[in-house]
Amino acid sequence: MLSAVGRERGTPAPSGQQARAQASAITPGKPGGPGKRPPGPEPLPADRVRTLLGGHRLSPGQRRIAQYITDHLTEAAFLSITDLADRVGVSQPSVTRFAVSVGFSGYPALREALQPIALSAVAASPGAREEDRRNELQAAVDAEIENLESLRRAFTDTDRVVEIGRELARSVPLTILGLRISVSLAEYFAYAAKRIHPDVRLVSRGGSVAYDALLQSREAGGTWVLAFAMPRHSNEMLAAMRAARSTGLRVALITEASLGPLAEEADVAFTAGTGSRLVFDSYAAPGVLSAAILQAMADADPERTQTRLEKYEQAAEQHDFFLDD
């Protein structure tokens, strides 16, 4: 949850999503409407950052992070935790501790608070010609391209993807877990996995329903759960992952954060950045990562894959599933 730095007591701080909604509007509101600012000069972006990060006792390393963010705001506000740590020359845990030290729940929350300030800095830049400025939709695409570039670099070593594909292929049944906004990714993966795997079970509800399904999967011989956890991370997802492990299932996690309680609870964690420039996140990189793991599952048992795909095509033709191209 975002810090209430600089707000009067009793006035709730806007959520990160609210701030993004205001900053990423495709058609900004006209002056003079209900949201008109009171008279007076707009604080400079650097001053807004100092207000956001100030008033806290920071270590020398944390001061380096704060200075880097202030000096490189328009870039730093959209970096992954890995990239920011590399730029500053500190560890990822150091970035997380810094975010907590300045009043945020973690680095994603801090980044969400910085992004509207960074966008206002870009819009107000006197040296930027109008035709050179990206609109917000283009900026969102550019951010996703960077997420895909980071994933491409991670794919330099394919061993981890190949290994988890082999493990998931062997798990019969295989459980796919996704709650709240992560359901869409889990449904995509489960839909495709059913084409090449004999027993795929989707769990998209939390609480006791999830526990029952996980327990049944384990009792039926399953060994793995593949979990999807996109922001905002929920308590029920953490509970479901712990429930899976309590039954004896191992957990592979696809998420955007390499640190935090969900990653710590997983046996194997894969990270892929989410697009956070618009009101709602976009999932280009997690989608590609999911497809890569599906490919690894298919490659792990090529004969089974071929047989099942042929049977599906026969059924599709027999029952006329699809339109003729």
Protein backbone atom coordinates (compact mmCIF):
# COMPACT_ATOMS: atom_id res chain seq x y z
CA MET A 1 0.00 0.00 0.00
CA LEU A 2 1.29 3.44 -0.84
CA SER A 3 2.64 5.63 1.89
CA ALA A 4 0.60 8.62 3.01
CA VAL A 5 3.66 10.90 2.95
CA GLY A 6 2.70 14.56 2.65
CA ARG A 7 -1.05 14.05 3.27
CA GLU A 8 -3.22 15.43 6.04
CA ARG A 9 -4.20 13.00 8.73
CA GLY A 10 -7.47 11.28 7.97
CA THR A 11 -7.19 11.73 4.18
CA PRO A 12 -6.55 8.38 2.50
CA ALA A 13 -3.63 8.16 0.10
CA PRO A 14 -4.59 7.24 -3.47
CA SER A 15 -3.86 3.67 -4.48
CA GLY A 16 -1.12 3.03 -7.02
CA GLN A 17 -3.79 2.17 -9.55
CA GLN A 18 -5.58 5.47 -8.92
CA ALA A 19 -2.35 7.38 -9.46
CA ARG A 20 -1.72 5.48 -12.67
CA ALA A 21 -5.26 6.19 -13.87
CA GLN A 22 -4.62 9.91 -13.49
CA ALA A 23 -1.15 9.81 -15.05
CA SER A 24 -1.89 7.53 -17.99
CA ALA A 25 -5.11 9.12 -19.24
CA ILE A 26 -5.09 9.04 -23.04
CA THR A 27 -7.18 12.22 -23.22
CA PRO A 28 -6.24 14.47 -20.29
CA GLY A 29 -9.05 16.46 -18.68
CA LYS A 30 -9.46 20.06 -19.74
CA PRO A 31 -8.50 22.84 -17.33
CA GLY A 32 -11.27 24.19 -15.22
CA GLY A 33 -13.06 20.89 -14.60
CA PRO A 34 -13.78 19.27 -11.26
CA GLY A 35 -10.14 18.21 -10.89
CA LYS A 36 -8.70 21.70 -11.41
CA ARG A 37 -5.66 22.40 -9.25
CA PRO A 38 -5.74 25.30 -6.81
CA PRO A 39 -3.81 28.43 -7.84
CA GLY A 40 -0.08 28.33 -7.27
CA PRO A 41 3.05 26.98 -8.95
CA GLU A 42 3.32 23.25 -9.57
CA PRO A 43 6.16 21.69 -7.50
CA LEU A 44 9.08 20.56 -9.62
CA PRO A 45 9.27 16.78 -10.17
CA ALA A 46 12.60 16.57 -8.34
CA ASP A 47 11.06 18.35 -5.34
CA ARG A 48 8.11 15.93 -5.38
CA VAL A 49 10.53 12.99 -5.34
CA ARG A 50 12.50 14.49 -2.45
CA THR A 51 9.25 14.95 -0.53
CA LEU A 52 8.28 11.36 -1.26
CA LEU A 53 11.62 9.94 -0.17
CA GLY A 54 12.58 12.47 2.49
CA GLY A 55 12.09 12.46 6.24
CA HIS A 56 13.60 9.01 6.76
CA ARG A 57 16.91 7.86 8.22
CA LEU A 58 18.77 6.20 5.35
CA SER A 59 22.02 4.28 5.23
CA PRO A 60 24.76 5.43 2.81
CA GLY A 61 23.73 2.73 0.35
CA GLN A 62 20.10 3.77 0.56
CA ARG A 63 21.04 7.40 -0.02
CA ARG A 64 22.77 6.28 -3.24
CA ILE A 65 19.52 4.68 -4.39
CA ALA A 66 17.53 7.82 -3.51
CA GLN A 67 20.01 10.03 -5.35
CA TYR A 68 19.96 7.84 -8.44
CA ILE A 69 16.16 7.90 -8.55
CA THR A 70 16.14 11.68 -8.15
CA ASP A 71 18.80 12.25 -10.83
CA HIS A 72 17.37 9.74 -13.34
CA LEU A 73 13.67 9.93 -12.50
CA THR A 74 12.16 9.41 -15.95
CA GLU A 75 14.19 6.23 -16.40
CA ALA A 76 14.33 4.92 -12.83
CA ALA A 77 10.57 5.03 -12.29
CA PHE A 78 10.08 2.29 -14.89
CA LEU A 79 13.03 0.01 -14.13
CA SER A 80 12.60 -3.47 -12.75
CA ILE A 81 14.10 -4.10 -9.34
CA THR A 82 16.93 -6.04 -11.04
CA ASP A 83 17.76 -3.22 -13.44
CA LEU A 84 17.64 -0.53 -10.73
CA ALA A 85 19.94 -2.58 -8.49
CA ASP A 86 22.37 -2.99 -11.41
CA ARG A 87 22.32 0.72 -12.23
CA VAL A 88 23.04 1.76 -8.64
CA GLY A 89 25.44 -1.09 -7.92
CA VAL A 90 23.54 -2.59 -4.99
CA SER A 91 21.74 -5.88 -4.36
CA GLN A 92 18.04 -6.47 -5.04
CA PRO A 93 17.35 -6.95 -1.30
CA SER A 94 18.93 -3.53 -0.72
CA VAL A 95 16.39 -1.95 -3.09
CA THR A 96 13.54 -3.69 -1.29
CA ARG A 97 14.82 -2.55 2.12
CA PHE A 98 15.12 0.98 0.77
CA ALA A 99 11.51 0.99 -0.42
CA VAL A 100 10.34 -0.23 2.99
CA SER A 101 12.52 2.35 4.75
CA VAL A 102 10.80 5.21 2.92
CA GLY A 103 7.35 3.96 3.85
CA PHE A 104 6.25 1.53 1.13
CA SER A 105 5.30 -2.12 1.26
CA GLY A 106 7.98 -2.96 -1.29
CA TYR A 107 9.62 -1.85 -4.50
CA PRO A 108 6.52 -2.24 -6.75
CA ALA A 109 4.57 0.16 -4.53
CA LEU A 110 7.41 2.70 -4.59
CA ARG A 111 7.67 2.43 -8.37
CA GLU A 112 3.94 3.03 -8.76
CA ALA A 113 4.23 6.20 -6.69
CA LEU A 114 7.18 7.45 -8.76
CA GLN A 115 5.67 6.85 -12.18
CA PRO A 116 3.11 9.70 -12.21
CA ILE A 117 5.86 12.10 -11.15
CA ALA A 118 8.12 10.82 -13.92
CA LEU A 119 5.35 11.18 -16.50
CA SER A 120 4.72 14.76 -15.41
CA ALA A 121 8.45 15.46 -15.76
CA VAL A 122 8.42 14.18 -19.34
CA ALA A 123 5.30 16.18 -20.22
CA ALA A 124 6.75 19.38 -18.76
CA SER A 125 10.20 19.06 -20.33
CA PRO A 126 10.83 22.40 -22.11
CA GLY A 127 13.32 20.82 -24.50
CA ALA A 128 10.94 18.19 -25.84
CA ARG A 129 9.31 19.01 -29.13
CA GLU A 130 5.67 18.04 -29.36
CA GLU A 131 6.23 15.69 -32.27
CA ASP A 132 8.99 13.85 -30.37
CA ARG A 133 6.91 13.08 -27.32
CA ARG A 134 5.45 9.63 -27.07
CA ASN A 135 1.83 9.35 -26.16
CA GLU A 136 1.00 7.17 -23.21
CA LEU A 137 -0.03 4.17 -25.31
CA GLN A 138 3.30 4.22 -27.14
CA ALA A 139 5.13 4.54 -23.82
CA ALA A 140 3.24 1.50 -22.52
CA VAL A 141 4.31 -0.51 -25.55
CA ASP A 142 7.91 0.63 -25.09
CA ALA A 143 7.83 -0.53 -21.47
CA GLU A 144 6.56 -3.94 -22.55
CA ILE A 145 9.30 -4.17 -25.16
CA GLU A 146 11.81 -3.64 -22.37
CA ASN A 147 10.14 -6.39 -20.34
CA LEU A 148 10.46 -8.71 -23.34
CA GLU A 149 14.10 -7.72 -23.81
CA SER A 150 14.78 -8.60 -20.17
CA LEU A 151 13.08 -11.96 -20.67
CA ARG A 152 15.13 -12.55 -23.80
CA ARG A 153 18.31 -11.99 -21.81
CA ALA A 154 17.07 -14.44 -19.17
CA PHE A 155 16.50 -17.03 -21.90
CA THR A 156 20.22 -17.02 -22.69
CA ASP A 157 20.33 -20.03 -20.36
CA THR A 158 17.41 -22.31 -21.16
CA ASP A 159 18.23 -25.03 -18.63
CA ARG A 160 15.77 -23.87 -15.95
CA VAL A 161 12.87 -23.69 -18.40
CA VAL A 162 13.72 -27.08 -19.88
CA GLU A 163 13.95 -28.66 -16.43
CA ILE A 164 10.66 -27.27 -15.14
CA GLY A 165 8.96 -28.29 -18.38
CA ARG A 166 10.18 -31.84 -17.77
CA GLU A 167 8.95 -31.81 -14.16
CA LEU A 168 5.51 -30.42 -15.04
CA ALA A 169 5.11 -32.95 -17.85
CA ARG A 170 5.79 -35.79 -15.41
CA SER A 171 3.25 -34.56 -12.84
CA VAL A 172 -0.03 -36.40 -13.39
CA PRO A 173 -2.27 -34.68 -12.54
CA LEU A 174 -0.78 -31.23 -13.06
CA THR A 175 -2.45 -28.39 -11.16
CA ILE A 176 -2.48 -24.81 -12.46
CA LEU A 177 -3.20 -22.16 -9.82
CA GLY A 178 -4.26 -18.58 -10.49
CA LEU A 179 -6.45 -16.28 -8.40
CA ARG A 180 -8.01 -12.87 -8.97
CA ILE A 181 -6.40 -11.06 -11.93
CA SER A 182 -3.96 -13.93 -12.49
CA VAL A 183 -6.81 -16.25 -13.48
CA SER A 184 -6.52 -15.22 -17.13
CA LEU A 185 -2.90 -16.38 -17.38
CA ALA A 186 -3.68 -19.60 -15.53
CA GLU A 187 -6.63 -20.32 -17.83
CA TYR A 188 -4.50 -19.76 -20.94
CA PHE A 189 -1.82 -22.11 -19.67
CA ALA A 190 -4.30 -24.79 -18.58
CA TYR A 191 -6.20 -24.61 -21.89
CA ALA A 192 -3.01 -25.17 -23.90
CA ALA A 193 -1.52 -27.72 -21.50
CA LYS A 194 -4.61 -29.93 -21.83
CA ARG A 195 -3.69 -30.44 -25.48
CA ILE A 196 -0.41 -32.14 -24.56
CA HIS A 197 -0.92 -33.42 -20.99
CA PRO A 198 -3.40 -36.13 -19.89
CA ASP A 199 -4.67 -34.53 -16.66
CA VAL A 200 -4.56 -30.77 -16.11
CA ARG A 201 -6.57 -29.25 -13.25
CA LEU A 202 -7.23 -25.52 -12.98
CA VAL A 203 -7.70 -23.94 -9.54
CA SER A 204 -9.07 -20.41 -9.79
CA ARG A 205 -10.80 -20.03 -6.40
CA GLY A 206 -9.05 -19.59 -3.07
CA GLY A 207 -9.84 -20.70 0.46
CA SER A 208 -11.07 -24.16 1.28
CA VAL A 209 -12.04 -24.77 -2.37
CA ALA A 210 -8.39 -24.41 -3.39
CA TYR A 211 -7.22 -26.61 -0.53
CA ASP A 212 -9.64 -29.39 -1.50
CA ALA A 213 -8.50 -29.30 -5.12
CA LEU A 214 -4.82 -29.30 -4.17
CA LEU A 215 -5.28 -32.18 -1.75
CA GLN A 216 -7.15 -34.22 -4.37
CA SER A 217 -4.42 -33.55 -6.91
CA ARG A 218 -1.76 -34.78 -4.53
CA GLU A 219 -3.76 -37.88 -3.54
CA ALA A 220 -4.21 -38.67 -7.25
CA GLY A 221 -0.43 -38.72 -7.71
CA GLY A 222 0.35 -35.15 -8.69
CA THR A 223 3.74 -33.74 -7.74
CA TRP A 224 3.71 -30.14 -9.00
CA VAL A 225 1.59 -26.98 -9.02
CA LEU A 226 2.28 -24.14 -11.45
CA ALA A 227 1.11 -20.88 -9.85
CA PHE A 228 0.61 -17.49 -11.48
CA ALA A 229 0.84 -14.44 -9.20
CA MET A 230 0.63 -11.01 -10.80
CA PRO A 231 0.25 -7.78 -8.80
CA ARG A 232 -1.49 -7.06 -6.54
CA HIS A 233 -0.39 -10.13 -4.65
CA SER A 234 -3.14 -11.50 -2.43
CA ASN A 235 -3.11 -13.15 0.96
CA GLU A 236 -5.23 -15.97 -0.45
CA MET A 237 -2.56 -16.77 -3.06
CA LEU A 238 0.07 -17.05 -0.35
CA ALA A 239 -2.29 -19.28 1.66
CA ALA A 240 -2.97 -21.48 -1.39
CA MET A 241 0.74 -21.90 -2.09
CA ARG A 242 1.37 -22.86 1.52
CA ALA A 243 -1.55 -25.29 1.37
CA ALA A 244 -0.07 -26.89 -1.74
CA ARG A 245 3.24 -27.43 -0.01
CA SER A 246 1.54 -28.77 3.09
CA THR A 247 -0.02 -31.54 0.98
CA GLY A 248 3.39 -32.50 -0.41
CA LEU A 249 3.08 -30.73 -3.77
CA ARG A 250 6.00 -28.70 -5.10
CA VAL A 251 5.28 -25.20 -6.39
CA ALA A 252 6.62 -23.48 -9.50
CA LEU A 253 5.76 -19.77 -9.59
CA ILE A 254 5.49 -17.28 -12.44
CA THR A 255 5.50 -13.74 -11.07
CA GLU A 256 7.00 -10.31 -11.69
CA ALA A 257 8.99 -10.06 -8.44
CA SER A 258 12.03 -12.14 -7.56
CA LEU A 259 11.69 -11.26 -3.88
CA GLY A 260 8.87 -11.36 -1.36
CA PRO A 261 6.82 -13.96 0.50
CA LEU A 262 5.40 -15.61 -2.64
CA ALA A 263 8.82 -16.19 -4.20
CA GLU A 264 10.14 -17.43 -0.87
CA GLU A 265 7.31 -19.96 -0.65
CA ALA A 266 7.94 -21.38 -4.15
CA ASP A 267 10.30 -24.25 -4.93
CA VAL A 268 11.10 -22.64 -8.28
CA ALA A 269 10.31 -19.05 -9.30
CA PHE A 270 10.40 -17.48 -12.76
CA THR A 271 10.11 -13.72 -13.12
CA ALA A 272 8.75 -11.70 -16.03
CA GLY A 273 8.04 -7.99 -15.84
CA THR A 274 4.50 -6.68 -16.14
CA GLY A 275 3.55 -3.52 -18.01
CA SER A 276 2.53 -0.91 -15.45
CA ARG A 277 2.19 2.27 -17.52
CA LEU A 278 -1.60 2.09 -17.89
CA VAL A 279 -4.40 1.81 -15.35
CA PHE A 280 -4.32 -1.99 -15.48
CA ASP A 281 -1.20 -4.10 -15.90
CA SER A 282 -0.38 -5.83 -19.18
CA TYR A 283 1.30 -9.23 -19.41
CA ALA A 284 3.32 -9.57 -22.60
CA ALA A 285 6.40 -11.07 -20.92
CA PRO A 286 4.52 -13.46 -18.58
CA GLY A 287 2.58 -14.65 -21.63
CA VAL A 288 5.76 -15.43 -23.57
CA LEU A 289 7.28 -17.13 -20.52
CA SER A 290 4.14 -19.28 -20.21
CA ALA A 291 4.40 -20.29 -23.86
CA ALA A 292 8.07 -21.18 -23.39
CA ILE A 293 7.24 -23.49 -20.48
CA LEU A 294 4.48 -25.10 -22.54
CA GLN A 295 7.02 -25.69 -25.28
CA ALA A 296 9.37 -27.30 -22.77
CA MET A 297 6.54 -29.55 -21.58
CA ALA A 298 5.80 -30.59 -25.16
CA ASP A 299 9.47 -31.33 -25.82
CA ALA A 300 9.78 -33.38 -22.62
CA ASP A 301 7.56 -36.16 -24.03
CA PRO A 302 7.41 -35.72 -27.81
CA GLU A 303 5.60 -38.98 -28.51
CA ARG A 304 2.79 -38.19 -26.05
CA THR A 305 2.62 -34.65 -27.39
CA GLN A 306 2.29 -35.81 -30.98
CA THR A 307 -0.33 -38.43 -30.16
CA ARG A 308 -2.49 -36.05 -28.16
CA LEU A 309 -2.27 -33.26 -30.74
CA GLU A 310 -3.27 -35.65 -33.52
CA LYS A 311 -6.26 -36.90 -31.50
CA TYR A 312 -7.35 -33.36 -30.80
CA GLU A 313 -7.17 -32.40 -34.47
CA GLN A 314 -9.26 -35.45 -35.37
CA ALA A 315 -11.88 -34.46 -32.78
CA ALA A 316 -11.83 -30.84 -33.96
CA GLU A 317 -12.45 -31.93 -37.54
CA GLN A 318 -15.11 -34.48 -36.59
CA HIS A 319 -17.11 -32.02 -34.48
CA ASP A 320 -16.41 -28.96 -36.62
CA PHE A 321 -14.85 -26.87 -33.82
CA PHE A 322 -13.38 -24.15 -36.01
CA LEU A 323 -14.22 -22.00 -38.99
CA ASP A 324 -12.47 -22.73 -42.28
CA ASP A 325 -9.67 -20.23 -42.91
